[in-house]
């Protein structure tokens, strides 16, 4: 491994550990208050949270499958779930390149050429992130209750608006995206691809990613209901909090799996409603909860090898 990559990995873990250490310090300073809190778990809500997470991963896999359709290839639902989910485990290593390597390797098992899987990764991000940027302002609002984040929130909203408008342009004119994909592939010494999705396909992909984010948010809402006996948090705000924490944490290039950044954003958004000590505890417990569910889903993804679809040859020589 090159020295630069080692440095990025070490820096990512260091930043994550610093944030986690700071959050743990808050818990330590308020340990008496936290010990008096009623931490009983409502297992019915916990189960509903787990189900919503599973459905979110399934929805995202169907979205990636629809992207592959735009290249004239077909992939089975089980294969798409395994490829997308197992490749995304690479996000726990700083830098998105590991997800790309994982997607290329897993996609090749079902006959998807490396250049197509590489292009699909770019398109996946091009839909996934802007979909969250559309939902965050709708569900959270103007961040007025969070005075310390009000100014920063407006700047972030402005950047999200710009990114979403860029996405909207390429959504309407996919030929432009096809040219960008082939320019990137040329720089990587890869052969060009032909990405020609119709409007129905593009709309279906965007709908699935909106649904994915909503399911993630619902999973967080039920998680809060499971561990907090009483909370003034609305369904709308809880959904928006998790979408913001997940998407902005995902964009933290150095942090493995958004570790630390996601917890920090959840803490900042929940503190005005439940106090900093409880908000920190909730964010850290949620990370443990997500890790447990992802371990279970990893096993399910591996089990799909039993139903793996045979390799599907390309429809034409252009792919």
Protein backbone atom coordinates (compact mmCIF):
# COMPACT_ATOMS: atom_id res chain seq x y z
CA UNK A 1 0.00 0.00 0.00
CA UNK A 2 1.35 3.43 -0.95
CA UNK A 3 2.38 5.84 1.80
CA UNK A 4 -0.28 8.37 0.76
CA UNK A 5 -3.08 5.82 1.12
CA UNK A 6 -1.74 4.70 4.50
CA UNK A 7 -1.71 8.32 5.65
CA UNK A 8 -5.33 8.84 4.54
CA UNK A 9 -6.46 5.72 6.38
CA UNK A 10 -4.62 6.73 9.56
CA UNK A 11 -5.94 10.29 9.31
CA UNK A 12 -9.48 9.03 8.84
CA UNK A 13 -9.34 6.82 11.90
CA UNK A 14 -7.64 9.57 13.91
CA UNK A 15 -10.36 12.12 13.11
CA UNK A 16 -13.08 9.60 13.89
CA UNK A 17 -11.46 8.68 17.21
CA UNK A 18 -11.07 12.33 18.20
CA UNK A 19 -14.78 12.98 17.64
CA UNK A 20 -15.78 9.78 19.42
CA UNK A 21 -13.46 10.65 22.33
CA UNK A 22 -15.05 14.10 22.61
CA UNK A 23 -18.53 12.57 22.64
CA UNK A 24 -17.47 10.00 25.24
CA UNK A 25 -16.12 12.82 27.41
CA UNK A 26 -19.58 14.43 27.43
CA UNK A 27 -21.04 11.13 28.57
CA UNK A 28 -18.41 10.84 31.32
CA UNK A 29 -19.04 14.37 32.62
CA UNK A 30 -22.79 13.70 32.78
CA UNK A 31 -22.61 10.09 33.96
CA UNK A 32 -24.79 10.75 37.01
CA UNK A 33 -27.57 12.23 34.90
CA UNK A 34 -27.34 9.37 32.43
CA UNK A 35 -27.41 6.68 35.12
CA UNK A 36 -30.73 8.08 36.33
CA UNK A 37 -32.24 7.90 32.84
CA UNK A 38 -34.64 5.06 32.10
CA UNK A 39 -32.93 3.02 29.37
CA UNK A 40 -35.50 0.23 29.00
CA UNK A 41 -35.68 -1.18 25.48
CA UNK A 42 -38.97 -1.58 23.65
CA UNK A 43 -38.16 -4.64 21.54
CA UNK A 44 -41.18 -4.23 19.27
CA UNK A 45 -39.92 -0.83 18.12
CA UNK A 46 -36.40 -2.26 17.88
CA UNK A 47 -37.68 -4.98 15.56
CA UNK A 48 -39.49 -2.39 13.44
CA UNK A 49 -36.25 -0.40 13.22
CA UNK A 50 -34.37 -3.49 12.02
CA UNK A 51 -37.05 -4.24 9.42
CA UNK A 52 -36.93 -0.67 8.08
CA UNK A 53 -33.13 -0.91 7.76
CA UNK A 54 -33.41 -4.16 5.84
CA UNK A 55 -36.01 -2.66 3.50
CA UNK A 56 -33.78 0.40 2.96
CA UNK A 57 -30.88 -1.77 1.82
CA UNK A 58 -33.22 -3.73 -0.44
CA UNK A 59 -34.62 -0.52 -1.97
CA UNK A 60 -31.09 0.78 -2.64
CA UNK A 61 -30.18 -2.53 -4.31
CA UNK A 62 -33.21 -2.28 -6.59
CA UNK A 63 -32.14 1.26 -7.48
CA UNK A 64 -28.67 0.06 -8.51
CA UNK A 65 -30.29 -2.79 -10.46
CA UNK A 66 -32.33 -0.20 -12.38
CA UNK A 67 -29.10 1.69 -13.14
CA UNK A 68 -27.64 -1.48 -14.67
CA UNK A 69 -30.78 -1.73 -16.83
CA UNK A 70 -29.76 1.60 -18.39
CA UNK A 71 -26.66 -0.11 -19.79
CA UNK A 72 -28.75 -2.83 -21.45
CA UNK A 73 -27.78 -5.48 -18.88
CA UNK A 74 -29.86 -7.45 -16.44
CA UNK A 75 -28.99 -8.52 -12.90
CA UNK A 76 -31.11 -10.54 -10.48
CA UNK A 77 -32.54 -8.98 -7.27
CA UNK A 78 -30.43 -11.26 -5.06
CA UNK A 79 -27.29 -10.49 -7.03
CA UNK A 80 -27.91 -6.74 -6.94
CA UNK A 81 -28.46 -6.87 -3.17
CA UNK A 82 -25.24 -8.83 -2.61
CA UNK A 83 -23.13 -6.68 -4.94
CA UNK A 84 -24.33 -3.32 -3.63
CA UNK A 85 -24.38 -4.19 0.04
CA UNK A 86 -21.11 -6.11 0.30
CA UNK A 87 -19.28 -3.49 -1.78
CA UNK A 88 -20.60 -0.75 0.50
CA UNK A 89 -18.87 -2.39 3.46
CA UNK A 90 -15.75 -0.88 1.90
CA UNK A 91 -16.91 2.52 3.17
CA UNK A 92 -15.52 1.55 6.58
CA UNK A 93 -12.08 2.04 5.05
CA UNK A 94 -11.33 5.77 4.48
CA UNK A 95 -11.73 6.75 0.84
CA UNK A 96 -14.47 5.56 -1.55
CA UNK A 97 -12.03 3.64 -3.76
CA UNK A 98 -12.52 0.43 -1.76
CA UNK A 99 -16.25 0.46 -2.51
CA UNK A 100 -15.42 0.78 -6.19
CA UNK A 101 -12.99 -2.15 -6.09
CA UNK A 102 -15.56 -4.24 -4.26
CA UNK A 103 -18.31 -3.40 -6.74
CA UNK A 104 -16.09 -4.20 -9.74
CA UNK A 105 -15.01 -7.56 -8.27
CA UNK A 106 -18.52 -8.63 -7.23
CA UNK A 107 -20.16 -7.41 -10.44
CA UNK A 108 -17.73 -9.38 -12.59
CA UNK A 109 -19.09 -12.56 -10.98
CA UNK A 110 -22.41 -12.02 -12.79
CA UNK A 111 -20.93 -10.89 -16.10
CA UNK A 112 -20.98 -7.11 -15.66
CA UNK A 113 -17.87 -5.60 -17.31
CA UNK A 114 -15.60 -3.55 -15.00
CA UNK A 115 -16.19 -0.34 -16.97
CA UNK A 116 -19.95 -0.73 -16.54
CA UNK A 117 -19.74 -1.42 -12.79
CA UNK A 118 -17.38 1.55 -12.42
CA UNK A 119 -19.79 3.81 -14.30
CA UNK A 120 -22.72 2.46 -12.27
CA UNK A 121 -20.93 3.43 -9.05
CA UNK A 122 -20.67 7.03 -10.28
CA UNK A 123 -24.34 7.09 -11.30
CA UNK A 124 -25.32 5.54 -7.97
CA UNK A 125 -23.69 8.46 -6.13
CA UNK A 126 -25.18 10.92 -8.60
CA UNK A 127 -28.69 9.81 -7.59
CA UNK A 128 -28.19 8.80 -3.95
CA UNK A 129 -26.69 12.02 -2.55
CA UNK A 130 -28.94 14.57 -4.35
CA UNK A 131 -32.01 12.56 -3.26
CA UNK A 132 -31.00 13.16 0.37
CA UNK A 133 -30.35 16.85 -0.33
CA UNK A 134 -33.93 17.21 -1.52
CA UNK A 135 -35.34 15.62 1.64
CA UNK A 136 -33.18 17.24 4.34
CA UNK A 137 -34.66 20.78 4.11
CA UNK A 138 -38.17 19.35 3.79
CA UNK A 139 -37.91 17.30 6.99
CA UNK A 140 -35.63 19.43 9.17
CA UNK A 141 -36.60 22.94 8.11
CA UNK A 142 -34.43 26.03 8.64
CA UNK A 143 -32.47 24.80 11.70
CA UNK A 144 -33.74 27.76 13.72
CA UNK A 145 -33.91 25.77 17.00
CA UNK A 146 -30.19 24.98 16.65
CA UNK A 147 -28.72 28.43 17.03
CA UNK A 148 -25.10 27.32 16.78
CA UNK A 149 -25.76 25.69 13.41
CA UNK A 150 -28.10 28.29 11.94
CA UNK A 151 -25.49 30.11 9.82
CA UNK A 152 -23.66 26.93 8.84
CA UNK A 153 -26.99 25.29 8.06
CA UNK A 154 -27.87 28.01 5.55
CA UNK A 155 -24.49 27.64 3.84
CA UNK A 156 -24.93 23.85 3.70
CA UNK A 157 -28.44 24.28 2.29
CA UNK A 158 -27.06 26.58 -0.41
CA UNK A 159 -24.44 24.01 -1.41
CA UNK A 160 -27.04 21.23 -1.39
CA UNK A 161 -29.29 23.34 -3.64
CA UNK A 162 -26.48 23.89 -6.14
CA UNK A 163 -25.63 20.17 -6.21
CA UNK A 164 -29.28 19.22 -6.63
CA UNK A 165 -29.73 21.66 -9.53
CA UNK A 166 -26.68 20.15 -11.24
CA UNK A 167 -28.20 16.71 -10.72
CA UNK A 168 -31.51 17.93 -12.13
CA UNK A 169 -29.78 19.11 -15.31
CA UNK A 170 -28.19 15.70 -15.93
CA UNK A 171 -31.44 13.99 -14.91
CA UNK A 172 -33.24 15.82 -17.71
CA UNK A 173 -30.34 15.43 -20.17
CA UNK A 174 -28.69 12.04 -19.48
CA UNK A 175 -26.54 12.35 -22.62
CA UNK A 176 -24.43 14.86 -20.74
CA UNK A 177 -23.88 12.33 -17.96
CA UNK A 178 -22.93 9.72 -20.55
CA UNK A 179 -20.24 12.04 -21.93
CA UNK A 180 -18.85 12.70 -18.45
CA UNK A 181 -18.78 8.96 -17.69
CA UNK A 182 -16.82 8.24 -20.86
CA UNK A 183 -14.43 11.12 -20.17
CA UNK A 184 -13.70 9.61 -16.73
CA UNK A 185 -13.33 6.13 -18.21
CA UNK A 186 -10.93 7.46 -20.83
CA UNK A 187 -8.77 8.99 -18.09
CA UNK A 188 -8.74 5.58 -16.41
CA UNK A 189 -7.79 3.87 -19.68
CA UNK A 190 -11.15 2.11 -19.87
CA UNK A 191 -13.31 1.56 -22.92
CA UNK A 192 -16.42 3.77 -23.23
CA UNK A 193 -19.91 2.73 -22.18
CA UNK A 194 -23.32 3.49 -23.61
CA UNK A 195 -25.73 4.67 -20.91
CA UNK A 196 -29.15 5.34 -22.44
CA UNK A 197 -31.85 5.15 -19.76
CA UNK A 198 -35.33 6.25 -20.71
CA UNK A 199 -37.24 8.78 -18.58
CA UNK A 200 -39.26 6.06 -16.85
CA UNK A 201 -36.06 4.31 -15.78
CA UNK A 202 -34.52 7.54 -14.45
CA UNK A 203 -37.68 8.44 -12.55
CA UNK A 204 -37.86 4.93 -11.06
CA UNK A 205 -34.24 5.14 -9.85
CA UNK A 206 -34.81 8.51 -8.19
CA UNK A 207 -38.02 7.28 -6.55
CA UNK A 208 -36.22 4.23 -5.13
CA UNK A 209 -33.46 6.37 -3.64
CA UNK A 210 -35.98 8.74 -2.09
CA UNK A 211 -37.71 5.68 -0.65
CA UNK A 212 -34.35 4.36 0.62
CA UNK A 213 -33.68 7.57 2.55
CA UNK A 214 -37.18 7.60 4.01
CA UNK A 215 -36.76 4.01 5.18
CA UNK A 216 -33.43 4.87 6.81
CA UNK A 217 -35.14 7.77 8.57
CA UNK A 218 -38.03 5.57 9.73
CA UNK A 219 -35.52 3.05 11.09
CA UNK A 220 -33.97 5.82 13.18
CA UNK A 221 -37.38 7.02 14.40
CA UNK A 222 -38.28 3.52 15.61
CA UNK A 223 -34.82 3.22 17.17
CA UNK A 224 -35.52 6.38 19.18
CA UNK A 225 -38.91 5.00 20.19
CA UNK A 226 -37.20 1.78 21.30
CA UNK A 227 -34.70 3.36 23.70
CA UNK A 228 -36.37 6.61 24.79
CA UNK A 229 -39.56 6.14 26.79
CA UNK A 230 -40.63 9.73 26.18
CA UNK A 231 -39.38 12.07 23.48
CA UNK A 232 -40.74 15.27 21.99
CA UNK A 233 -39.09 14.53 18.66
CA UNK A 234 -41.57 14.39 15.79
CA UNK A 235 -41.50 11.69 13.13
CA UNK A 236 -40.62 14.32 10.54
CA UNK A 237 -37.64 15.73 12.47
CA UNK A 238 -36.31 12.28 13.41
CA UNK A 239 -36.32 11.21 9.75
CA UNK A 240 -34.59 14.42 8.68
CA UNK A 241 -31.98 14.11 11.43
CA UNK A 242 -30.84 10.69 10.30
CA UNK A 243 -30.87 11.54 6.60
CA UNK A 244 -28.68 14.59 7.30
CA UNK A 245 -26.32 12.65 9.58
CA UNK A 246 -25.98 9.70 7.20
CA UNK A 247 -25.53 11.66 3.96
CA UNK A 248 -23.18 14.32 5.37
CA UNK A 249 -21.22 11.67 7.26
CA UNK A 250 -21.02 9.62 4.07
CA UNK A 251 -19.43 12.59 2.31
CA UNK A 252 -16.66 12.81 4.93
CA UNK A 253 -14.00 11.28 2.71
CA UNK A 254 -11.46 10.51 5.43
CA UNK A 255 -13.80 9.07 8.04
CA UNK A 256 -14.45 5.29 7.79
CA UNK A 257 -18.19 4.80 7.36
CA UNK A 258 -18.82 8.37 8.55
CA UNK A 259 -17.63 7.26 11.99
CA UNK A 260 -17.64 10.18 14.38
CA UNK A 261 -19.08 12.66 11.88
CA UNK A 262 -22.47 10.96 11.79
CA UNK A 263 -22.58 10.78 15.59
CA UNK A 264 -21.58 14.44 15.85
CA UNK A 265 -24.35 15.57 13.50
CA UNK A 266 -26.97 13.47 15.30
CA UNK A 267 -25.82 14.95 18.62
CA UNK A 268 -26.01 18.52 17.29
CA UNK A 269 -29.49 18.04 15.84
CA UNK A 270 -30.96 16.23 18.85
CA UNK A 271 -29.39 18.29 21.66
CA UNK A 272 -32.00 21.13 21.62
CA UNK A 273 -34.74 18.57 22.24
CA UNK A 274 -33.28 15.92 24.58
CA UNK A 275 -30.10 17.53 25.92
CA UNK A 276 -26.47 16.91 25.01
CA UNK A 277 -25.76 13.91 27.31
CA UNK A 278 -28.77 11.92 26.09
CA UNK A 279 -28.17 12.98 22.47
CA UNK A 280 -24.55 11.78 22.61
CA UNK A 281 -25.59 8.48 24.17
CA UNK A 282 -28.29 7.99 21.54
CA UNK A 283 -25.83 8.65 18.70
CA UNK A 284 -23.29 6.15 20.02
CA UNK A 285 -25.90 3.48 20.81
CA UNK A 286 -27.28 3.96 17.30
CA UNK A 287 -23.84 3.22 15.83
CA UNK A 288 -23.70 -0.04 17.79
CA UNK A 289 -27.26 -0.88 16.70
CA UNK A 290 -26.49 -0.21 13.04
CA UNK A 291 -23.34 -2.34 13.26
CA UNK A 292 -25.31 -5.28 14.67
CA UNK A 293 -27.97 -5.03 11.95
CA UNK A 294 -25.33 -4.69 9.24
CA UNK A 295 -23.60 -7.83 10.51
CA UNK A 296 -26.89 -9.73 10.16
CA UNK A 297 -27.52 -8.26 6.70
CA UNK A 298 -23.97 -9.23 5.67
CA UNK A 299 -24.83 -12.86 6.41
CA UNK A 300 -28.04 -12.54 4.38
CA UNK A 301 -26.09 -11.01 1.49
CA UNK A 302 -23.60 -13.89 1.57
CA UNK A 303 -26.48 -16.39 1.55
CA UNK A 304 -27.62 -14.99 -1.81
CA UNK A 305 -24.68 -16.86 -3.37
CA UNK A 306 -26.89 -19.94 -3.11
CA UNK A 307 -29.29 -18.31 -5.57
CA UNK A 308 -26.75 -16.55 -7.78
CA UNK A 309 -27.93 -15.98 -11.33
CA UNK A 310 -25.71 -17.22 -14.12
CA UNK A 311 -23.58 -14.70 -15.97
CA UNK A 312 -25.60 -12.70 -18.49
CA UNK A 313 -23.75 -11.79 -21.72
CA UNK A 314 -24.01 -8.19 -22.95
CA UNK A 315 -26.75 -7.44 -25.47
CA UNK A 316 -24.28 -5.83 -27.84
CA UNK A 317 -20.56 -5.50 -28.36
CA UNK A 318 -20.68 -1.82 -27.35
CA UNK A 319 -21.07 -2.64 -23.64
